Amino acid sequence: MPTSNSTGELGSASHIGGIGWVEWAVEPVRDRLTRSDYDDLVSSLALVIGWEAFHRAARRPRGASVGRARALRLRAAEAILDGALAKADRT
C-alpha cells in the first residue's frame, strides 16, 4: 500500500496527481489488461471515487448522505472494473 510522508504526500513519483492509491488498488488485475485499458481503468476510477466526485455528483446537488454517496461511488467503481475485466476477457 502506498505510504505517505509527514505532510500527507504519497512517497513516490507514481503517486503524482493523487491516483497512486488507485493504481495500487487495481494492481492485481494489471496483467489482464492492455496498457491503454489499464490507464483508462485508473483514470475512470479516479473520476468516480475522488473527493470532488463525492461532493459534486452526490452530496451537494443530490442531497445524498455520506453513506449513500459512498455506496454510489462503490457501485460505479465496481461497474467500471467489471467492464474493464469483461473487455479483457473478450480479447
Protein backbone atom coordinates (compact mmCIF):
# COMPACT_ATOMS: atom_id res chain seq x y z
CA MET A 1 0.00 0.00 0.00
CA PRO A 2 1.27 3.49 -0.74
CA THR A 3 2.74 5.30 2.21
CA SER A 4 2.63 9.00 2.95
CA ASN A 5 5.18 11.31 4.49
CA SER A 6 4.54 13.69 7.37
CA THR A 7 2.85 16.21 5.06
CA GLY A 8 0.43 13.60 3.76
CA GLU A 9 2.05 13.39 0.33
CA LEU A 10 2.45 9.95 -1.17
CA GLY A 11 6.03 8.84 -1.32
CA SER A 12 6.83 8.10 -4.95
CA ALA A 13 6.64 9.81 -8.32
CA SER A 14 3.98 7.32 -9.48
CA HIS A 15 1.63 8.90 -6.99
CA ILE A 16 1.71 12.34 -8.58
CA GLY A 17 -1.81 13.62 -9.07
CA GLY A 18 -3.21 11.59 -6.20
CA ILE A 19 -4.02 8.46 -8.20
CA GLY A 20 -1.25 6.23 -6.88
CA TRP A 21 -3.61 4.57 -4.44
CA VAL A 22 -5.95 3.74 -7.35
CA GLU A 23 -3.03 2.16 -9.20
CA TRP A 24 -2.19 0.18 -6.08
CA ALA A 25 -5.79 -0.99 -5.70
CA VAL A 26 -6.07 -2.34 -9.25
CA GLU A 27 -2.53 -3.76 -9.46
CA PRO A 28 -3.85 -7.37 -9.12
CA VAL A 29 -5.64 -7.09 -12.49
CA ARG A 30 -2.94 -5.14 -14.35
CA ASP A 31 -1.65 -8.20 -16.23
CA ARG A 32 -5.13 -8.91 -17.60
CA LEU A 33 -5.39 -5.52 -19.32
CA THR A 34 -3.58 -3.78 -22.13
CA ARG A 35 -1.56 -0.75 -21.07
CA SER A 36 -4.18 1.54 -22.61
CA ASP A 37 -7.07 -0.26 -20.90
CA TYR A 38 -5.22 -0.21 -17.58
CA ASP A 39 -4.59 3.53 -17.89
CA ASP A 40 -8.27 4.07 -18.79
CA LEU A 41 -9.34 2.00 -15.79
CA VAL A 42 -7.20 4.00 -13.38
CA SER A 43 -8.41 7.31 -14.82
CA SER A 44 -12.06 6.22 -14.82
CA LEU A 45 -11.90 5.04 -11.23
CA ALA A 46 -10.18 8.26 -10.17
CA LEU A 47 -13.04 10.22 -11.73
CA VAL A 48 -15.78 8.46 -9.80
CA ILE A 49 -14.13 7.85 -6.45
CA GLY A 50 -12.25 11.09 -5.95
CA TRP A 51 -13.24 13.66 -3.34
CA GLU A 52 -14.59 16.09 -5.93
CA ALA A 53 -16.86 13.45 -7.42
CA PHE A 54 -18.12 12.68 -3.96
CA HIS A 55 -19.31 16.24 -3.42
CA ARG A 56 -20.21 17.36 -6.92
CA ALA A 57 -22.19 14.35 -8.03
CA ALA A 58 -23.92 13.12 -4.92
CA ARG A 59 -23.61 15.22 -1.80
CA ARG A 60 -24.34 18.75 -2.98
CA PRO A 61 -26.84 18.51 -5.85
CA ARG A 62 -28.49 15.22 -4.86
CA GLY A 63 -28.50 15.68 -1.11
CA ALA A 64 -27.21 12.16 -0.55
CA SER A 65 -25.98 11.19 2.88
CA VAL A 66 -22.31 10.36 3.29
CA GLY A 67 -23.14 6.66 3.45
CA ARG A 68 -25.31 6.78 0.35
CA ALA A 69 -22.70 8.74 -1.59
CA ARG A 70 -20.06 6.16 -0.65
CA ALA A 71 -22.34 3.34 -1.77
CA LEU A 72 -22.93 5.09 -5.10
CA ARG A 73 -19.20 5.55 -5.65
CA LEU A 74 -18.55 1.90 -4.86
CA ARG A 75 -21.28 0.83 -7.27
CA ALA A 76 -19.81 2.99 -10.04
CA ALA A 77 -16.27 1.75 -9.35
CA GLU A 78 -17.42 -1.88 -9.44
CA ALA A 79 -19.19 -1.30 -12.76
CA ILE A 80 -16.07 0.27 -14.26
CA LEU A 81 -13.86 -2.57 -13.03
CA ASP A 82 -16.33 -5.22 -14.22
CA GLY A 83 -16.43 -3.57 -17.65
CA ALA A 84 -12.65 -3.45 -17.95
CA LEU A 85 -12.31 -7.10 -16.97
CA ALA A 86 -15.12 -8.17 -19.32
CA LYS A 87 -13.36 -6.39 -22.18
CA ALA A 88 -10.08 -8.10 -21.28
CA ASP A 89 -11.79 -11.49 -21.23
CA ARG A 90 -13.23 -10.91 -24.72
CA THR A 91 -9.82 -10.24 -26.25
